[in-house]
């Protein structure tokens, strides 16, 4: 398969502000943070956003894969007699060659292919353990993924595997490179955590003291920040994994919409943070990835952090484009958020029209 998209990528540079919230917690429940440019910054890990993008793809009707330790149960469920001891035992053997004590990421079509392999080979009774891996991964669906000769992810079944990749230590041949790269979101400015003290009241007063309603005291940490988010989508890798560009525009449409909607879910019931993008500059380009650093923190000067963050991002990217010269490799550039009549639908349409250009 000739891949005309090799080296081409879509880059999303996003400014997004959040009010009082705790979007991503560390091991002690505090908002994640990092020291950048000599000042403390608020931070949201890439995993916190990627998980929600996956879930949003599912909400939009995309067939996403399953990431689980219960591999045998998933495979056995596709056997016609999935509850039988023979099916469960055979599925457990397959599970053992995929992963031991880690999560395995696989689509329904892959699970079905392995279930069919079990049935076609009489529940693996005549296959020696040392031959099992090689024969299991000679099934049609896995060969398609390795060679690109057929659609390894037909009808975008398991698009999230193509986007986020899969590393299989036990079986490197079924590992898949991620097409999407997510940087940790960082605040564009100095940001510190604050404390929210709260009390929970008891609806039923005690007999001793009718006024004593406070039953629990506690505190939560929170912050408020304007974040810079950087996401890169490698079109060449995505087309290679999908086995062609037939579904490329659908994939880009779904990914961009999920990226626009998805939000980390930590404490969303008590400190809801549901604000959309403030601004985004999107490139379709070739060449090395280019992420803004915001090493110099921006300052509000009485007008909030969003406006100076947008100005700093636009100026910084324009400067880098001039410095990179021919190495910048720009195919197209779009900005969302400055024109109220330019919707996310307009943006996606423009992106998809440009990804086929040279």
Protein backbone atom coordinates (compact mmCIF):
# COMPACT_ATOMS: atom_id res chain seq x y z
CA UNK A 1 0.00 0.00 0.00
CA UNK A 2 1.35 3.41 -1.00
CA UNK A 3 0.99 5.84 1.88
CA UNK A 4 0.83 9.41 0.54
CA UNK A 5 0.25 10.79 4.04
CA UNK A 6 3.56 9.71 5.51
CA UNK A 7 5.13 12.56 7.46
CA UNK A 8 1.93 14.63 7.44
CA UNK A 9 0.21 15.51 10.70
CA UNK A 10 -2.55 17.63 12.18
CA UNK A 11 -1.41 19.71 15.15
CA UNK A 12 -3.88 21.16 17.65
CA UNK A 13 -2.70 24.13 19.76
CA UNK A 14 -5.49 24.84 22.24
CA UNK A 15 -6.06 27.49 24.91
CA UNK A 16 -8.75 26.49 27.41
CA UNK A 17 -9.69 28.17 30.69
CA UNK A 18 -11.31 26.50 33.69
CA UNK A 19 -12.89 28.03 36.80
CA UNK A 20 -12.59 26.49 40.27
CA UNK A 21 -11.90 22.81 39.61
CA UNK A 22 -9.66 19.84 40.26
CA UNK A 23 -9.44 18.24 36.84
CA UNK A 24 -6.67 15.76 37.63
CA UNK A 25 -5.53 14.60 41.07
CA UNK A 26 -2.22 13.25 42.31
CA UNK A 27 -1.72 10.42 44.80
CA UNK A 28 -2.78 12.60 47.77
CA UNK A 29 -5.80 14.17 46.05
CA UNK A 30 -4.18 17.49 45.19
CA UNK A 31 -4.45 19.04 41.70
CA UNK A 32 -1.45 17.93 39.64
CA UNK A 33 1.23 20.56 39.18
CA UNK A 34 4.65 21.15 37.63
CA UNK A 35 7.45 23.69 37.93
CA UNK A 36 7.93 25.36 34.52
CA UNK A 37 9.86 28.54 33.80
CA UNK A 38 10.71 28.85 37.47
CA UNK A 39 7.09 29.13 38.64
CA UNK A 40 4.50 26.54 39.73
CA UNK A 41 1.93 25.63 37.05
CA UNK A 42 -1.32 23.70 37.11
CA UNK A 43 -1.09 20.47 35.10
CA UNK A 44 -3.45 17.87 33.65
CA UNK A 45 -1.85 14.62 32.56
CA UNK A 46 -2.24 13.32 29.03
CA UNK A 47 -3.88 10.13 30.31
CA UNK A 48 -6.69 12.08 31.99
CA UNK A 49 -7.67 13.60 28.67
CA UNK A 50 -7.03 10.56 26.46
CA UNK A 51 -9.34 8.35 28.51
CA UNK A 52 -12.17 10.86 28.14
CA UNK A 53 -11.55 11.26 24.41
CA UNK A 54 -11.94 7.48 24.06
CA UNK A 55 -15.20 7.53 26.00
CA UNK A 56 -16.46 10.46 23.93
CA UNK A 57 -15.74 8.55 20.71
CA UNK A 58 -17.99 5.80 22.05
CA UNK A 59 -20.74 8.32 22.85
CA UNK A 60 -20.53 9.51 19.24
CA UNK A 61 -21.17 6.02 17.90
CA UNK A 62 -17.60 4.99 17.09
CA UNK A 63 -16.81 1.35 17.87
CA UNK A 64 -14.05 1.63 20.44
CA UNK A 65 -11.90 -1.21 21.72
CA UNK A 66 -11.82 -2.78 25.17
CA UNK A 67 -8.92 -2.26 27.57
CA UNK A 68 -9.05 -4.96 30.21
CA UNK A 69 -7.31 -7.62 32.28
CA UNK A 70 -10.33 -9.88 31.79
CA UNK A 71 -9.06 -10.95 28.38
CA UNK A 72 -10.31 -14.53 28.55
CA UNK A 73 -13.87 -13.44 29.39
CA UNK A 74 -13.91 -11.08 26.40
CA UNK A 75 -12.71 -13.76 23.97
CA UNK A 76 -14.99 -16.47 25.39
CA UNK A 77 -18.01 -14.18 25.02
CA UNK A 78 -17.60 -14.43 21.24
CA UNK A 79 -17.62 -18.22 21.29
CA UNK A 80 -21.02 -19.75 20.53
CA UNK A 81 -20.77 -21.65 23.82
CA UNK A 82 -18.86 -19.01 25.73
CA UNK A 83 -20.01 -20.24 29.11
CA UNK A 84 -18.69 -23.77 28.63
CA UNK A 85 -15.59 -24.89 30.50
CA UNK A 86 -13.86 -25.79 27.22
CA UNK A 87 -14.36 -22.30 25.80
CA UNK A 88 -13.20 -20.62 28.99
CA UNK A 89 -10.11 -22.81 29.26
CA UNK A 90 -9.14 -22.23 25.63
CA UNK A 91 -9.73 -18.47 25.97
CA UNK A 92 -7.50 -18.47 29.06
CA UNK A 93 -4.67 -20.01 27.02
CA UNK A 94 -5.01 -17.26 24.42
CA UNK A 95 -5.14 -14.63 27.16
CA UNK A 96 -1.88 -15.97 28.58
CA UNK A 97 0.02 -15.20 25.38
CA UNK A 98 -1.40 -11.69 25.13
CA UNK A 99 -0.74 -10.42 28.64
CA UNK A 100 -0.05 -11.69 32.13
CA UNK A 101 -0.73 -8.98 34.71
CA UNK A 102 -1.38 -6.00 32.45
CA UNK A 103 -4.31 -4.54 30.57
CA UNK A 104 -4.75 -5.67 26.98
CA UNK A 105 -6.28 -3.36 24.40
CA UNK A 106 -8.28 -5.12 21.67
CA UNK A 107 -11.29 -4.66 19.43
CA UNK A 108 -14.41 -6.77 19.00
CA UNK A 109 -13.19 -7.94 15.60
CA UNK A 110 -9.94 -9.15 17.16
CA UNK A 111 -11.77 -10.91 19.99
CA UNK A 112 -14.08 -12.58 17.47
CA UNK A 113 -11.13 -13.66 15.30
CA UNK A 114 -9.52 -15.32 18.31
CA UNK A 115 -12.83 -16.96 19.29
CA UNK A 116 -13.22 -18.29 15.74
CA UNK A 117 -9.65 -19.60 15.95
CA UNK A 118 -10.57 -21.49 19.13
CA UNK A 119 -13.66 -23.09 17.57
CA UNK A 120 -11.92 -23.91 14.28
CA UNK A 121 -9.14 -25.67 16.16
CA UNK A 122 -11.31 -27.80 18.43
CA UNK A 123 -10.76 -25.65 21.51
CA UNK A 124 -6.98 -25.78 20.99
CA UNK A 125 -6.81 -29.39 22.14
CA UNK A 126 -4.41 -30.40 19.36
CA UNK A 127 -2.18 -27.29 19.37
CA UNK A 128 0.99 -27.41 21.41
CA UNK A 129 1.56 -24.48 23.76
CA UNK A 130 4.79 -23.46 22.02
CA UNK A 131 2.94 -23.21 18.69
CA UNK A 132 -0.08 -21.35 20.02
CA UNK A 133 1.22 -17.80 19.70
CA UNK A 134 2.37 -18.15 16.10
CA UNK A 135 -0.83 -19.81 14.94
CA UNK A 136 -3.15 -17.47 16.85
CA UNK A 137 -1.54 -14.41 15.28
CA UNK A 138 -1.74 -15.90 11.80
CA UNK A 139 -5.48 -15.19 11.81
CA UNK A 140 -6.83 -12.91 9.10
CA UNK A 141 -7.45 -9.85 11.26
CA UNK A 142 -3.94 -9.77 12.74
CA UNK A 143 -2.26 -10.34 9.37
CA UNK A 144 -4.25 -7.40 7.98
CA UNK A 145 -2.94 -5.16 10.75
CA UNK A 146 0.66 -6.18 10.14
CA UNK A 147 0.68 -5.95 6.36
CA UNK A 148 -1.93 -3.28 5.63
CA UNK A 149 -3.16 -5.53 2.81
CA UNK A 150 -6.69 -5.39 4.20
CA UNK A 151 -8.43 -3.11 6.62
CA UNK A 152 -7.15 -4.21 10.01
CA UNK A 153 -9.79 -2.03 11.66
CA UNK A 154 -12.72 -2.43 9.32
CA UNK A 155 -15.46 0.19 9.73
CA UNK A 156 -13.29 1.91 12.36
CA UNK A 157 -13.80 -0.95 14.82
CA UNK A 158 -11.19 -0.12 17.44
CA UNK A 159 -10.36 3.38 16.16
CA UNK A 160 -9.01 4.19 19.61
CA UNK A 161 -6.29 1.53 19.17
CA UNK A 162 -5.21 3.24 15.96
CA UNK A 163 -5.24 6.61 17.71
CA UNK A 164 -3.62 5.72 21.02
CA UNK A 165 -1.56 2.69 20.11
CA UNK A 166 -0.97 -0.64 21.79
CA UNK A 167 2.21 -2.03 23.31
CA UNK A 168 2.17 -5.79 23.87
CA UNK A 169 5.32 -6.93 25.64
CA UNK A 170 4.43 -10.62 25.25
CA UNK A 171 3.73 -10.34 21.52
CA UNK A 172 5.51 -7.45 19.83
CA UNK A 173 4.08 -8.44 16.45
CA UNK A 174 0.63 -7.17 17.46
CA UNK A 175 1.89 -3.90 18.93
CA UNK A 176 0.57 -0.81 17.13
CA UNK A 177 2.15 2.64 17.04
CA UNK A 178 -0.05 5.47 18.28
CA UNK A 179 -1.16 8.04 15.72
CA UNK A 180 -2.09 10.62 18.37
CA UNK A 181 0.37 12.26 20.76
CA UNK A 182 -0.91 14.22 23.77
CA UNK A 183 1.24 16.58 25.80
CA UNK A 184 0.39 17.26 29.43
CA UNK A 185 -1.76 20.37 29.59
CA UNK A 186 -0.06 23.14 31.57
CA UNK A 187 -1.26 26.48 32.82
CA UNK A 188 0.15 29.37 30.82
CA UNK A 189 0.68 31.30 34.04
CA UNK A 190 1.71 30.84 37.65
CA UNK A 191 -0.97 28.82 39.43
CA UNK A 192 -1.26 27.67 43.02
CA UNK A 193 -3.69 25.32 44.71
CA UNK A 194 -6.15 26.62 47.28
CA UNK A 195 -8.18 24.89 49.98
CA UNK A 196 -11.94 24.40 50.01
CA UNK A 197 -13.12 23.71 53.56
CA UNK A 198 -16.51 22.00 53.78
CA UNK A 199 -18.89 20.54 56.31
CA UNK A 200 -21.57 17.88 55.84
CA UNK A 201 -24.78 18.27 57.81
CA UNK A 202 -26.73 15.42 59.38
CA UNK A 203 -30.41 15.50 58.41
CA UNK A 204 -31.41 13.83 61.66
CA UNK A 205 -30.37 15.86 64.75
CA UNK A 206 -29.10 14.13 67.86
CA UNK A 207 -31.36 13.89 70.89
CA UNK A 208 -28.74 15.55 73.10
CA UNK A 209 -28.32 18.66 70.98
CA UNK A 210 -30.87 19.62 68.36
CA UNK A 211 -28.51 22.27 66.95
CA UNK A 212 -25.58 19.88 66.37
CA UNK A 213 -25.98 19.04 62.72
CA UNK A 214 -22.37 19.03 61.49
CA UNK A 215 -21.44 15.38 61.04
CA UNK A 216 -18.30 15.64 58.95
CA UNK A 217 -15.62 18.25 58.32
CA UNK A 218 -13.12 18.11 55.49
CA UNK A 219 -11.18 19.97 52.86
CA UNK A 220 -10.39 19.63 49.17
CA UNK A 221 -7.72 21.32 47.11
CA UNK A 222 -8.57 23.12 43.87
CA UNK A 223 -7.18 25.60 41.40
CA UNK A 224 -8.28 27.78 38.52
CA UNK A 225 -6.21 28.07 35.38
CA UNK A 226 -5.93 28.76 31.68
CA UNK A 227 -4.27 25.77 30.03
CA UNK A 228 -2.24 25.26 26.89
CA UNK A 229 -2.97 21.90 25.29
CA UNK A 230 -0.96 20.35 22.48
CA UNK A 231 -2.13 17.31 20.49
CA UNK A 232 -0.60 15.89 17.32
CA UNK A 233 -2.30 13.43 14.97
CA UNK A 234 0.07 11.56 12.63
CA UNK A 235 -1.97 11.02 9.47
CA UNK A 236 0.61 8.69 7.93
CA UNK A 237 0.53 6.36 10.93
CA UNK A 238 -3.26 6.52 11.12
CA UNK A 239 -3.66 5.59 7.44
CA UNK A 240 -1.17 2.75 7.84
CA UNK A 241 -3.06 1.29 10.80
CA UNK A 242 -6.45 1.73 9.15
CA UNK A 243 -5.17 0.02 6.02
CA UNK A 244 -6.03 2.95 3.73
CA UNK A 245 -7.59 6.41 3.71
CA UNK A 246 -11.19 5.34 3.03
CA UNK A 247 -12.22 6.19 6.61
CA UNK A 248 -9.64 8.89 7.26
CA UNK A 249 -12.00 11.87 7.11
CA UNK A 250 -14.50 10.11 9.40
CA UNK A 251 -11.69 9.39 11.85
CA UNK A 252 -10.45 13.01 11.80
CA UNK A 253 -14.02 14.29 12.23
CA UNK A 254 -14.68 12.03 15.22
CA UNK A 255 -11.30 12.67 16.85
CA UNK A 256 -11.57 16.46 16.54
CA UNK A 257 -15.10 16.51 17.94
CA UNK A 258 -14.11 14.23 20.83
CA UNK A 259 -11.10 16.45 21.51
CA UNK A 260 -13.42 19.47 21.58
CA UNK A 261 -15.99 17.92 23.93
CA UNK A 262 -14.05 15.60 26.25
CA UNK A 263 -13.08 16.81 29.72
CA UNK A 264 -11.24 15.15 32.59
CA UNK A 265 -13.80 13.89 35.08
CA UNK A 266 -12.13 14.34 38.49
CA UNK A 267 -14.55 15.98 40.97
CA UNK A 268 -16.90 17.04 38.18
CA UNK A 269 -19.90 16.58 40.50
CA UNK A 270 -18.55 18.95 43.15
CA UNK A 271 -16.36 21.34 41.14
CA UNK A 272 -17.79 21.17 37.64
CA UNK A 273 -15.42 22.40 34.98
CA UNK A 274 -17.31 22.37 31.69
CA UNK A 275 -15.81 25.24 29.73
CA UNK A 276 -15.03 24.80 26.00
CA UNK A 277 -11.94 25.87 24.10
CA UNK A 278 -11.15 29.58 24.21
CA UNK A 279 -9.01 29.40 21.11
CA UNK A 280 -7.29 26.88 18.85
CA UNK A 281 -4.77 27.12 16.06
CA UNK A 282 -4.67 23.98 13.94
CA UNK A 283 -1.94 23.18 11.45
CA UNK A 284 -1.81 20.56 8.75
CA UNK A 285 1.91 20.26 8.13
CA UNK A 286 4.94 18.07 7.50
CA UNK A 287 8.15 18.04 9.50
CA UNK A 288 8.99 17.63 13.16
CA UNK A 289 6.32 18.26 15.75
CA UNK A 290 6.30 21.76 17.22
CA UNK A 291 4.93 22.45 20.68
CA UNK A 292 4.80 25.86 22.37
CA UNK A 293 6.66 25.92 25.69
CA UNK A 294 5.16 28.88 27.58
CA UNK A 295 8.43 28.97 29.51
CA UNK A 296 7.68 32.65 30.13
CA UNK A 297 4.45 32.75 32.17
CA UNK A 298 1.81 35.21 31.03
CA UNK A 299 0.29 37.82 33.33
CA UNK A 300 -3.32 38.89 33.58
CA UNK A 301 -2.93 42.68 34.01
CA UNK A 302 -6.57 42.88 35.02
CA UNK A 303 -7.96 41.20 31.89
CA UNK A 304 -7.70 37.52 32.78
CA UNK A 305 -5.24 34.96 31.43
CA UNK A 306 -7.07 33.81 28.30
CA UNK A 307 -6.44 36.88 26.14
CA UNK A 308 -2.69 37.22 26.85
CA UNK A 309 -2.31 33.43 26.48
CA UNK A 310 -3.89 33.53 23.01
CA UNK A 311 -1.69 36.46 22.02
CA UNK A 312 1.45 34.72 23.31
CA UNK A 313 0.57 31.50 21.48
CA UNK A 314 -0.13 33.19 18.17
CA UNK A 315 3.02 35.32 18.36
CA UNK A 316 5.18 32.37 19.41
CA UNK A 317 3.94 30.08 16.63
CA UNK A 318 4.28 32.81 14.00
CA UNK A 319 7.87 33.38 15.11
CA UNK A 320 8.72 29.68 14.96
CA UNK A 321 7.26 29.42 11.47
CA UNK A 322 9.56 32.19 10.26
CA UNK A 323 12.59 30.64 11.99
CA UNK A 324 11.90 27.14 10.62
CA UNK A 325 11.65 28.41 7.04
CA UNK A 326 11.18 25.57 4.56
CA UNK A 327 11.42 23.00 7.37
CA UNK A 328 8.11 24.19 8.82
CA UNK A 329 6.27 22.28 6.08
CA UNK A 330 2.91 24.02 6.44
CA UNK A 331 0.11 22.71 4.25
CA UNK A 332 -2.73 24.65 5.90
CA UNK A 333 -3.51 26.72 9.00
CA UNK A 334 -6.81 27.43 10.72
CA UNK A 335 -7.88 29.39 13.80
CA UNK A 336 -11.00 28.79 15.84
CA UNK A 337 -12.38 31.07 18.54
CA UNK A 338 -11.82 34.55 17.11
CA UNK A 339 -14.74 34.56 14.65
CA UNK A 340 -18.12 33.79 16.23
CA UNK A 341 -19.47 32.65 12.86
CA UNK A 342 -16.72 30.03 12.39
CA UNK A 343 -18.03 26.90 14.10
CA UNK A 344 -16.31 23.66 15.02
CA UNK A 345 -18.11 22.12 12.04
CA UNK A 346 -16.52 24.71 9.73
CA UNK A 347 -13.14 23.95 11.25
CA UNK A 348 -13.44 20.18 10.76
CA UNK A 349 -14.63 20.63 7.19
CA UNK A 350 -11.62 22.83 6.42
CA UNK A 351 -9.22 20.37 8.06
CA UNK A 352 -10.59 17.44 6.10
CA UNK A 353 -10.43 19.38 2.85
CA UNK A 354 -6.76 20.17 3.47
CA UNK A 355 -5.42 16.78 4.59
CA UNK A 356 -5.32 15.55 1.00
CA UNK A 357 -3.29 18.55 -0.20
CA UNK A 358 0.47 18.49 -0.65
